Amino acid sequence: MEGRLINPVSGLPDTKNAPEADSSVLRVWGGHSLRGHVKISGAKNSALVLMTGALLCSGDCRIRNVPRLADVERMAQVLSALGVKIHRDGETLDVNAREFTTSKAPYELVTQLRASFFAIGAILARLGVAQMPLPGGCAIGARPVDLHVRGLQAMGAEVQIEHGICNAHVPGNKGRLKGAKIYLDSPSVGATETLMMAATLADGETILDNAAREPEVVDLANFCNSMGAKITGAGTSTITILGVSNLHSTDYEVIPDRIEAGTFLTAAAITHSELLLSPVVPEHLLPIIAKLQEMGVNVVEEAPNCLRVLPAAVLKAADIQTLPHPGFPTDMQAQFMTLLALAEGDSLINETVFENRLRHASELNRLGADIRVKGNIAFVRGVHSLSGAPVLGSDLRASAALVVAGLAASGETTIKGLQFLDRGYDRLDLKLQQLGAKIERVREVEADIAIATATNTVQPA
């Protein structure tokens, strides 16, 4: 990865030893049209959970189309600490959990990456015991693990949470979980994935009702089935898993990242540009495409895995309510808020998934947007233009939204908080450069000097 240190073992960005993301900023000069084709990377949220799913297999797993992300490196570190062998070659990750015997995950890593907690289901299924610190990640709201815990208890596990550690073990039955009928109070993606992995090696049949329907859940089910699991109903609200005694090796490709694709769609729309995007799964993008078309942006299916976005002369206001899939994704709310800030008319955004995910509104206002927030609702009054300013990303998608805003703002926008951006976007700045954007990643001290120089320059009378 250009401009970043690479971990010599995994071949992934070295987030532990490189202060790059914390000490770097993005400088974006707006007003430049985008053009060309952008390659969409593998889905972050699929790649992470597939890596944990590989713990279920006592052989080799080859996972293809794995994006180069800080979160993927963190997950690799978690698995390595458990005794798993990991090797990366380009976009291919080889995972071998044959000698995986350690049930205790490292606190300092799990608390940085929420998805690593989901490994508790696979660890418990393989070893009959697991010790997982409570998870971390972006501070976008409460994401409790009670659904995971209750589901594991229903399958016969004894679970206690003490001093920030979730301790679980399976008494009797040779340490093997038992199939159960489990109703989830809410369609949590993480709980659905955790319990589905746990159930693949359980004794008997498990039925998950009110399960999450996200494409990443379907991808995990397909991955597990490619190893010999017996999972049906993924993508619906009822998933049935018939436990098997063991899983075998597989060679599997991660689905394209629908949120990265959606982010580039909004980048094209806000800069009034025409872009080609592939590979994509258009079905995964239906709520995003529908909202863009409501705003006047045309998105055409050029091929089964390729989209062309055509610019709108004028962006129209629209209302958005985030919902679990197949509703409008919460991970696209911030990017659309940026787009609506430049739309004609008034828009309303209702964030129903996370209670603390509108903090980017104040940063967009620094760029000239007119957004008022009350609770989980944002009122957006469209303005004619944005102007560059220093801003700070508060979470992964907020940081991406500020990059999108910078592409349209006049002058220079300086974006801090890249430790969030690099968690979920595979070289976003380099991909935008290739499309014609004027954007560069520099050390924070260099950006501060540039801003001070521009501010102190005396204009001739």
Protein backbone atom coordinates (compact mmCIF):
# COMPACT_ATOMS: atom_id res chain seq x y z
CA MET A 1 0.00 0.00 0.00
CA GLU A 2 1.54 3.23 -1.13
CA GLY A 3 2.55 5.58 1.69
CA ARG A 4 2.01 3.00 4.44
CA LEU A 5 4.19 0.48 6.25
CA ILE A 6 3.42 -3.16 5.47
CA ASN A 7 3.38 -5.92 8.07
CA PRO A 8 6.01 -8.44 6.90
CA VAL A 9 3.99 -11.43 8.14
CA SER A 10 0.51 -10.71 6.83
CA GLY A 11 1.37 -8.32 4.01
CA LEU A 12 -1.31 -5.98 5.39
CA PRO A 13 -1.04 -2.33 6.50
CA ASP A 14 0.88 -2.25 9.79
CA THR A 15 -1.49 -0.40 12.10
CA LYS A 16 0.39 -1.39 15.24
CA ASN A 17 3.77 0.05 14.34
CA ALA A 18 2.87 2.82 11.89
CA PRO A 19 1.44 6.11 13.19
CA GLU A 20 0.58 7.08 9.59
CA ALA A 21 -3.19 7.37 9.88
CA ASP A 22 -3.03 9.28 13.17
CA SER A 23 -0.44 11.78 11.93
CA SER A 24 -1.65 12.21 8.35
CA VAL A 25 -4.39 14.30 6.81
CA LEU A 26 -6.07 14.47 3.45
CA ARG A 27 -5.94 17.69 1.46
CA VAL A 28 -8.77 17.91 -1.07
CA TRP A 29 -9.22 20.66 -3.66
CA GLY A 30 -12.81 20.67 -4.88
CA GLY A 31 -14.36 21.51 -8.21
CA HIS A 32 -12.75 18.76 -10.29
CA SER A 33 -14.89 16.34 -12.27
CA LEU A 34 -14.33 12.60 -11.93
CA ARG A 35 -14.14 10.28 -14.91
CA GLY A 36 -13.23 6.72 -15.77
CA HIS A 37 -13.66 3.34 -14.08
CA VAL A 38 -13.23 2.51 -10.40
CA LYS A 39 -12.59 -1.01 -9.16
CA ILE A 40 -14.67 -1.82 -6.10
CA SER A 41 -12.80 -3.78 -3.43
CA GLY A 42 -14.04 -6.75 -1.46
CA ALA A 43 -16.57 -6.03 1.28
CA LYS A 44 -14.99 -5.03 4.58
CA ASN A 45 -17.81 -6.45 6.70
CA SER A 46 -17.72 -9.75 4.81
CA ALA A 47 -13.96 -10.17 4.81
CA LEU A 48 -13.75 -9.66 8.58
CA VAL A 49 -16.41 -12.22 9.46
CA LEU A 50 -15.14 -14.73 6.88
CA MET A 51 -11.75 -14.55 8.58
CA THR A 52 -13.40 -15.50 11.87
CA GLY A 53 -15.44 -18.18 10.08
CA ALA A 54 -12.18 -19.80 8.98
CA LEU A 55 -11.68 -20.78 12.64
CA LEU A 56 -14.40 -23.39 12.13
CA CYS A 57 -12.22 -25.30 9.67
CA SER A 58 -9.29 -27.47 10.74
CA GLY A 59 -7.76 -27.25 7.27
CA ASP A 60 -6.66 -24.49 4.89
CA CYS A 61 -9.01 -21.70 3.84
CA ARG A 62 -8.22 -19.43 0.93
CA ILE A 63 -10.18 -16.17 0.93
CA ARG A 64 -9.93 -14.06 -2.23
CA ASN A 65 -10.77 -10.41 -2.92
CA VAL A 66 -9.74 -9.34 0.60
CA PRO A 67 -9.35 -5.53 0.83
CA ARG A 68 -6.24 -3.91 2.31
CA LEU A 69 -7.66 -2.26 5.41
CA ALA A 70 -6.55 -1.42 8.92
CA ASP A 71 -9.44 -3.50 10.29
CA VAL A 72 -8.34 -6.54 8.26
CA GLU A 73 -4.85 -6.19 9.74
CA ARG A 74 -6.32 -5.99 13.25
CA MET A 75 -8.37 -9.12 12.62
CA ALA A 76 -5.25 -10.87 11.32
CA GLN A 77 -3.47 -9.93 14.54
CA VAL A 78 -6.34 -11.32 16.63
CA LEU A 79 -6.31 -14.63 14.75
CA SER A 80 -2.51 -14.87 14.89
CA ALA A 81 -2.68 -14.42 18.67
CA LEU A 82 -5.05 -17.42 18.77
CA GLY A 83 -2.46 -19.57 17.00
CA VAL A 84 -3.84 -19.27 13.46
CA LYS A 85 -1.39 -19.12 10.55
CA ILE A 86 -2.10 -16.30 8.10
CA HIS A 87 -0.38 -15.43 4.84
CA ARG A 88 -1.30 -12.76 2.33
CA ASP A 89 -0.50 -12.64 -1.38
CA GLY A 90 -2.07 -9.61 -3.03
CA GLU A 91 -5.83 -9.79 -2.48
CA THR A 92 -5.68 -13.44 -1.40
CA LEU A 93 -5.55 -14.46 2.25
CA ASP A 94 -4.60 -18.00 3.29
CA VAL A 95 -5.85 -18.93 6.77
CA ASN A 96 -4.88 -22.17 8.50
CA ALA A 97 -6.55 -22.88 11.86
CA ARG A 98 -5.37 -26.49 12.11
CA GLU A 99 -3.28 -25.80 15.22
CA PHE A 100 -5.68 -23.25 16.66
CA THR A 101 -5.80 -24.15 20.36
CA THR A 102 -5.91 -20.83 22.22
CA SER A 103 -9.35 -19.77 23.45
CA LYS A 104 -8.36 -16.40 24.93
CA ALA A 105 -8.31 -13.42 22.57
CA PRO A 106 -6.02 -10.44 23.35
CA TYR A 107 -7.74 -7.52 25.07
CA GLU A 108 -5.72 -4.78 23.37
CA LEU A 109 -6.78 -5.98 19.90
CA VAL A 110 -10.43 -6.98 20.43
CA THR A 111 -11.22 -3.64 22.07
CA GLN A 112 -10.11 -1.88 18.87
CA LEU A 113 -12.28 -3.95 16.52
CA ARG A 114 -15.87 -4.88 17.23
CA ALA A 115 -16.03 -7.58 14.54
CA SER A 116 -13.36 -9.60 16.35
CA PHE A 117 -15.88 -10.33 19.13
CA PHE A 118 -17.96 -12.29 16.63
CA ALA A 119 -15.21 -14.94 16.69
CA ILE A 120 -16.58 -16.12 20.05
CA GLY A 121 -19.12 -18.31 18.24
CA ALA A 122 -16.48 -20.04 16.12
CA ILE A 123 -14.03 -20.42 19.03
CA LEU A 124 -16.72 -21.93 21.25
CA ALA A 125 -17.84 -24.29 18.48
CA ARG A 126 -14.28 -25.55 17.87
CA LEU A 127 -12.84 -25.63 21.40
CA GLY A 128 -15.85 -25.68 23.73
CA VAL A 129 -14.43 -22.69 25.63
CA ALA A 130 -13.81 -19.03 24.78
CA GLN A 131 -12.64 -15.87 26.51
CA MET A 132 -13.40 -12.66 24.61
CA PRO A 133 -13.00 -9.07 25.82
CA LEU A 134 -16.00 -6.87 25.18
CA PRO A 135 -15.63 -5.21 21.77
CA GLY A 136 -14.66 -1.73 20.57
CA GLY A 137 -14.86 0.06 17.21
CA CYS A 138 -16.35 3.37 16.07
CA ALA A 139 -18.23 5.26 18.81
CA ILE A 140 -21.52 5.49 16.92
CA GLY A 141 -23.80 4.21 19.65
CA ALA A 142 -24.53 1.30 21.97
CA ARG A 143 -24.03 -2.09 20.36
CA PRO A 144 -24.51 -4.53 23.24
CA VAL A 145 -23.62 -8.22 23.05
CA ASP A 146 -26.64 -9.47 24.97
CA LEU A 147 -28.17 -11.08 21.86
CA HIS A 148 -24.94 -13.02 21.27
CA VAL A 149 -24.84 -14.15 24.90
CA ARG A 150 -28.48 -15.25 25.11
CA GLY A 151 -28.16 -17.17 21.86
CA LEU A 152 -25.06 -19.03 23.01
CA GLN A 153 -26.78 -19.82 26.31
CA ALA A 154 -29.74 -21.25 24.40
CA MET A 155 -27.27 -23.62 22.70
CA GLY A 156 -26.05 -24.89 26.07
CA ALA A 157 -23.13 -22.58 26.80
CA GLU A 158 -22.51 -21.14 30.24
CA VAL A 159 -21.61 -17.46 29.83
CA GLN A 160 -20.43 -14.91 32.37
CA ILE A 161 -19.17 -11.37 31.85
CA GLU A 162 -16.62 -10.28 34.45
CA HIS A 163 -14.18 -7.37 34.41
CA GLY A 164 -14.90 -6.65 30.75
CA ILE A 165 -14.29 -10.27 29.66
CA CYS A 166 -16.94 -12.60 28.25
CA ASN A 167 -16.15 -16.11 29.53
CA ALA A 168 -18.01 -18.98 27.88
CA HIS A 169 -17.74 -22.74 28.01
CA VAL A 170 -19.84 -25.77 27.07
CA PRO A 171 -20.29 -28.24 29.93
CA GLY A 172 -20.64 -31.94 29.15
CA ASN A 173 -21.57 -33.29 25.71
CA LYS A 174 -17.83 -33.38 24.91
CA GLY A 175 -17.83 -29.59 24.78
CA ARG A 176 -20.22 -29.49 21.83
CA LEU A 177 -23.00 -26.91 21.56
CA LYS A 178 -26.57 -28.12 21.02
CA GLY A 179 -29.01 -26.96 18.36
CA ALA A 180 -31.74 -24.61 19.55
CA LYS A 181 -34.56 -22.38 18.36
CA ILE A 182 -33.48 -18.77 18.91
CA TYR A 183 -35.48 -15.58 18.43
CA LEU A 184 -33.45 -12.37 18.13
CA ASP A 185 -35.09 -9.31 19.69
CA SER A 186 -33.65 -7.25 16.84
CA PRO A 187 -32.12 -8.35 13.51
CA SER A 188 -28.55 -7.78 14.66
CA VAL A 189 -25.96 -8.58 11.98
CA GLY A 190 -23.27 -9.41 14.53
CA ALA A 191 -25.49 -11.68 16.62
CA THR A 192 -26.82 -13.45 13.53
CA GLU A 193 -23.27 -14.12 12.31
CA THR A 194 -21.96 -15.19 15.73
CA LEU A 195 -24.78 -17.65 16.32
CA MET A 196 -24.75 -18.98 12.76
CA MET A 197 -21.04 -19.80 13.10
CA ALA A 198 -21.59 -21.41 16.50
CA ALA A 199 -24.43 -23.53 15.13
CA THR A 200 -22.47 -24.95 12.17
CA LEU A 201 -20.66 -27.43 14.46
CA ALA A 202 -23.45 -27.83 17.04
CA ASP A 203 -25.26 -31.10 17.73
CA GLY A 204 -28.63 -30.88 15.99
CA GLU A 205 -30.63 -28.16 14.28
CA THR A 206 -30.59 -24.45 15.10
CA ILE A 207 -33.22 -22.01 13.84
CA LEU A 208 -32.55 -18.27 14.00
CA ASP A 209 -35.76 -16.21 13.82
CA ASN A 210 -35.76 -12.47 13.09
CA ALA A 211 -32.26 -12.92 11.69
CA ALA A 212 -30.39 -10.14 9.87
CA ARG A 213 -30.81 -10.24 6.09
CA GLU A 214 -27.72 -8.27 5.03
CA PRO A 215 -25.68 -9.48 2.01
CA GLU A 216 -22.72 -10.02 4.35
CA VAL A 217 -24.77 -12.57 6.33
CA VAL A 218 -25.53 -14.41 3.08
CA ASP A 219 -21.83 -14.30 2.17
CA LEU A 220 -20.89 -15.91 5.49
CA ALA A 221 -23.50 -18.63 5.00
CA ASN A 222 -22.20 -19.34 1.50
CA PHE A 223 -18.62 -19.43 2.82
CA CYS A 224 -19.54 -21.89 5.57
CA ASN A 225 -21.54 -24.02 3.11
CA SER A 226 -18.50 -24.13 0.81
CA MET A 227 -16.70 -25.81 3.75
CA GLY A 228 -19.47 -28.38 4.22
CA ALA A 229 -21.86 -26.58 6.56
CA LYS A 230 -25.62 -27.03 6.11
CA ILE A 231 -27.18 -23.56 6.25
CA THR A 232 -30.41 -22.58 4.51
CA GLY A 233 -32.53 -19.43 4.53
CA ALA A 234 -29.72 -16.86 4.70
CA GLY A 235 -31.05 -13.60 3.28
CA THR A 236 -34.45 -14.20 4.87
CA SER A 237 -35.56 -13.59 8.45
CA THR A 238 -35.36 -17.32 9.30
CA ILE A 239 -32.06 -19.17 9.00
CA THR A 240 -31.80 -22.91 9.62
CA ILE A 241 -28.46 -24.54 10.45
CA LEU A 242 -28.05 -28.30 10.71
CA GLY A 243 -24.87 -28.92 12.67
CA VAL A 244 -22.09 -31.09 11.22
CA SER A 245 -19.11 -32.70 12.95
CA ASN A 246 -16.41 -30.85 11.01
CA LEU A 247 -15.74 -28.55 8.07
CA HIS A 248 -13.25 -28.94 5.21
CA SER A 249 -10.95 -26.60 3.26
CA THR A 250 -12.34 -24.07 0.80
CA ASP A 251 -11.39 -21.46 -1.79
CA TYR A 252 -13.83 -18.54 -1.62
CA GLU A 253 -14.19 -14.99 -2.98
CA VAL A 254 -15.52 -12.10 -0.89
CA ILE A 255 -18.46 -10.17 -2.36
CA PRO A 256 -17.89 -6.57 -3.56
CA ASP A 257 -18.25 -3.83 -0.95
CA ARG A 258 -21.68 -2.23 -1.39
CA ILE A 259 -20.80 0.67 0.92
CA GLU A 260 -17.63 1.52 -0.99
CA ALA A 261 -19.65 1.36 -4.21
CA GLY A 262 -22.31 3.60 -2.67
CA THR A 263 -19.66 6.08 -1.56
CA PHE A 264 -18.30 6.35 -5.12
CA LEU A 265 -21.86 6.76 -6.42
CA THR A 266 -22.33 9.77 -4.12
CA ALA A 267 -18.90 11.13 -5.12
CA ALA A 268 -19.95 10.99 -8.77
CA ALA A 269 -23.32 12.57 -8.01
CA ILE A 270 -21.92 15.47 -5.95
CA THR A 271 -19.30 16.33 -8.61
CA HIS A 272 -21.80 15.91 -11.49
CA SER A 273 -19.54 13.25 -13.00
CA GLU A 274 -20.04 10.11 -15.07
CA LEU A 275 -18.35 7.01 -13.65
CA LEU A 276 -18.22 3.27 -14.22
CA LEU A 277 -18.13 1.00 -11.15
CA SER A 278 -17.33 -2.71 -11.04
CA PRO A 279 -17.46 -5.33 -9.75
CA VAL A 280 -20.73 -4.74 -7.93
CA VAL A 281 -23.86 -6.71 -7.10
CA PRO A 282 -26.64 -4.31 -8.20
CA GLU A 283 -29.18 -6.10 -6.00
CA HIS A 284 -27.13 -5.14 -2.92
CA LEU A 285 -27.36 -1.47 -3.91
CA LEU A 286 -31.11 -1.21 -4.57
CA PRO A 287 -31.99 1.21 -1.70
CA ILE A 288 -28.99 3.42 -2.55
CA ILE A 289 -29.77 3.49 -6.27
CA ALA A 290 -33.46 4.17 -5.60
CA LYS A 291 -32.63 7.19 -3.43
CA LEU A 292 -30.15 8.54 -5.99
CA GLN A 293 -32.76 8.26 -8.72
CA GLU A 294 -35.27 10.06 -6.50
CA MET A 295 -32.72 12.88 -6.29
CA GLY A 296 -32.40 12.98 -10.09
CA VAL A 297 -29.22 10.91 -10.52
CA ASN A 298 -29.47 8.16 -13.13
CA VAL A 299 -27.74 4.83 -12.45
CA VAL A 300 -27.60 2.36 -15.35
CA GLU A 301 -26.73 -1.34 -15.20
CA GLU A 302 -24.10 -1.64 -17.94
CA ALA A 303 -23.50 -5.34 -17.22
CA PRO A 304 -24.55 -7.80 -14.51
CA ASN A 305 -21.63 -6.60 -12.34
CA CYS A 306 -21.10 -3.05 -13.66
CA LEU A 307 -22.92 0.25 -13.04
CA ARG A 308 -22.68 3.58 -14.84
CA VAL A 309 -23.73 6.69 -12.94
CA LEU A 310 -24.93 9.65 -14.99
CA PRO A 311 -24.93 13.15 -13.48
CA ALA A 312 -28.03 15.15 -12.63
CA ALA A 313 -28.30 18.78 -13.72
CA VAL A 314 -29.84 19.58 -10.35
CA LEU A 315 -29.93 17.47 -7.19
CA LYS A 316 -33.40 17.21 -5.62
CA ALA A 317 -34.15 17.03 -1.91
CA ALA A 318 -35.22 13.67 -0.43
CA ASP A 319 -36.05 12.17 2.94
CA ILE A 320 -34.07 9.22 4.33
CA GLN A 321 -34.75 6.77 7.13
CA THR A 322 -32.04 4.24 7.93
CA LEU A 323 -33.20 0.68 8.52
CA PRO A 324 -31.77 -2.84 8.61
CA HIS A 325 -31.38 -4.46 5.18
CA PRO A 326 -33.20 -4.30 2.79
CA GLY A 327 -33.87 -0.77 4.04
CA PHE A 328 -31.57 2.21 3.51
CA PRO A 329 -28.18 1.35 5.11
CA THR A 330 -26.98 3.35 8.09
CA ASP A 331 -23.46 3.11 6.65
CA MET A 332 -24.57 5.38 3.76
CA GLN A 333 -26.37 7.98 5.87
CA ALA A 334 -23.39 10.34 6.26
CA GLN A 335 -22.50 10.31 2.56
CA PHE A 336 -26.11 11.09 1.61
CA MET A 337 -26.28 13.89 4.17
CA THR A 338 -23.38 15.48 2.27
CA LEU A 339 -25.22 15.04 -1.03
CA LEU A 340 -28.48 16.44 0.37
CA ALA A 341 -26.60 19.47 1.69
CA LEU A 342 -26.26 20.58 -1.96
CA ALA A 343 -29.74 19.50 -3.09
CA GLU A 344 -32.57 21.89 -3.98
CA GLY A 345 -35.02 22.08 -1.08
CA ASP A 346 -35.33 20.66 2.43
CA SER A 347 -34.56 17.08 3.42
CA LEU A 348 -35.05 15.08 6.60
CA ILE A 349 -32.79 12.24 7.76
CA ASN A 350 -33.99 9.87 10.49
CA GLU A 351 -31.18 7.68 11.88
CA THR A 352 -32.94 4.72 13.51
CA VAL A 353 -30.08 2.20 13.76
CA PHE A 354 -27.48 4.00 15.91
CA GLU A 355 -28.20 6.80 18.37
CA ASN A 356 -24.90 8.65 18.03
CA ARG A 357 -24.34 8.80 14.30
CA LEU A 358 -25.03 12.40 13.30
CA ARG A 359 -21.86 14.04 14.61
CA HIS A 360 -20.64 14.75 11.08
CA ALA A 361 -23.42 17.33 10.69
CA SER A 362 -21.44 19.96 12.62
CA GLU A 363 -18.37 19.33 10.43
CA LEU A 364 -20.44 19.67 7.26
CA ASN A 365 -21.76 22.96 8.64
CA ARG A 366 -18.15 24.15 8.89
CA LEU A 367 -18.01 23.71 5.12
CA GLY A 368 -21.12 25.85 4.66
CA ALA A 369 -23.92 23.28 4.91
CA ASP A 370 -27.20 24.18 6.66
CA ILE A 371 -28.01 21.23 8.90
CA ARG A 372 -29.85 21.18 12.21
CA VAL A 373 -29.83 18.10 14.43
CA LYS A 374 -32.42 17.18 17.03
CA GLY A 375 -31.95 13.80 18.63
CA ASN A 376 -31.60 11.24 15.86
CA ILE A 377 -33.11 13.49 13.20
CA ALA A 378 -31.23 15.87 10.93
CA PHE A 379 -32.95 18.68 9.02
CA VAL A 380 -30.98 19.54 5.88
CA ARG A 381 -31.65 22.73 3.93
CA GLY A 382 -29.86 22.64 0.61
CA VAL A 383 -27.29 25.35 -0.14
CA HIS A 384 -25.81 26.44 -3.47
CA SER A 385 -22.20 25.64 -2.61
CA LEU A 386 -19.73 24.46 0.03
CA SER A 387 -16.36 26.03 0.80
CA GLY A 388 -13.22 24.29 1.99
CA ALA A 389 -12.18 24.28 5.65
CA PRO A 390 -10.31 22.06 8.14
CA VAL A 391 -12.62 19.27 9.38
CA LEU A 392 -12.36 16.18 11.58
CA GLY A 393 -13.85 12.74 10.88
CA SER A 394 -15.63 11.29 13.91
CA ASP A 395 -16.09 7.74 12.61
CA LEU A 396 -15.48 5.64 9.50
CA ARG A 397 -18.43 6.75 7.35
CA ALA A 398 -18.33 10.33 8.63
CA SER A 399 -14.75 10.57 7.39
CA ALA A 400 -15.80 9.28 3.97
CA ALA A 401 -18.63 11.81 3.87
CA LEU A 402 -16.17 14.65 4.50
CA VAL A 403 -14.01 13.42 1.61
CA VAL A 404 -17.10 13.47 -0.63
CA ALA A 405 -17.89 16.99 0.59
CA GLY A 406 -14.33 18.12 -0.10
CA LEU A 407 -14.65 16.98 -3.72
CA ALA A 408 -17.47 19.49 -4.23
CA ALA A 409 -16.33 22.35 -1.95
CA SER A 410 -14.56 25.37 -3.43
CA GLY A 411 -10.96 25.74 -2.31
CA GLU A 412 -9.13 23.34 -0.02
CA THR A 413 -10.61 20.99 2.56
CA THR A 414 -8.26 19.41 5.09
CA ILE A 415 -9.56 16.21 6.70
CA LYS A 416 -8.21 14.76 9.93
CA GLY A 417 -9.21 11.48 11.56
CA LEU A 418 -7.83 9.18 8.87
CA GLN A 419 -7.47 6.36 11.40
CA PHE A 420 -11.22 5.93 10.88
CA LEU A 421 -11.14 6.20 7.08
CA ASP A 422 -8.38 3.61 6.72
CA ARG A 423 -10.40 1.11 8.75
CA GLY A 424 -12.92 0.65 5.96
CA TYR A 425 -11.71 2.03 2.62
CA ASP A 426 -9.00 0.40 0.53
CA ARG A 427 -6.81 3.31 -0.64
CA LEU A 428 -9.73 5.69 -1.18
CA ASP A 429 -7.45 8.67 -1.85
CA LEU A 430 -5.47 6.80 -4.52
CA LYS A 431 -8.62 5.58 -6.26
CA LEU A 432 -9.98 9.13 -6.34
CA GLN A 433 -6.68 10.42 -7.73
CA GLN A 434 -6.95 7.94 -10.60
CA LEU A 435 -10.43 9.30 -11.35
CA GLY A 436 -9.14 12.88 -11.64
CA ALA A 437 -9.71 14.21 -8.12
CA LYS A 438 -7.14 16.58 -6.70
CA ILE A 439 -6.43 14.92 -3.38
CA GLU A 440 -3.28 14.05 -1.48
CA ARG A 441 -2.30 12.48 1.82
CA VAL A 442 0.35 14.43 3.73
CA ARG A 443 1.77 14.59 7.22
CA GLU A 444 -0.35 16.72 9.51
CA VAL A 445 2.51 19.14 10.18
CA GLU A 446 2.88 19.75 6.43
CA ALA A 447 -0.83 20.53 6.11
CA ASP A 448 -0.67 22.92 9.08
CA ILE A 449 2.22 24.78 7.49
CA ALA A 450 0.36 25.03 4.18
CA ILE A 451 -2.79 26.36 5.87
CA ALA A 452 -0.80 28.90 7.92
CA THR A 453 1.06 30.07 4.82
CA ALA A 454 -2.17 30.53 2.88
CA THR A 455 -3.80 32.36 5.78
CA ASN A 456 -0.87 34.73 6.33
CA THR A 457 -0.28 35.54 2.68
CA VAL A 458 -0.92 39.24 2.14
CA GLN A 459 -2.87 39.89 -1.03
CA PRO A 460 -1.70 42.87 -3.14
CA ALA A 461 -3.92 45.92 -3.02
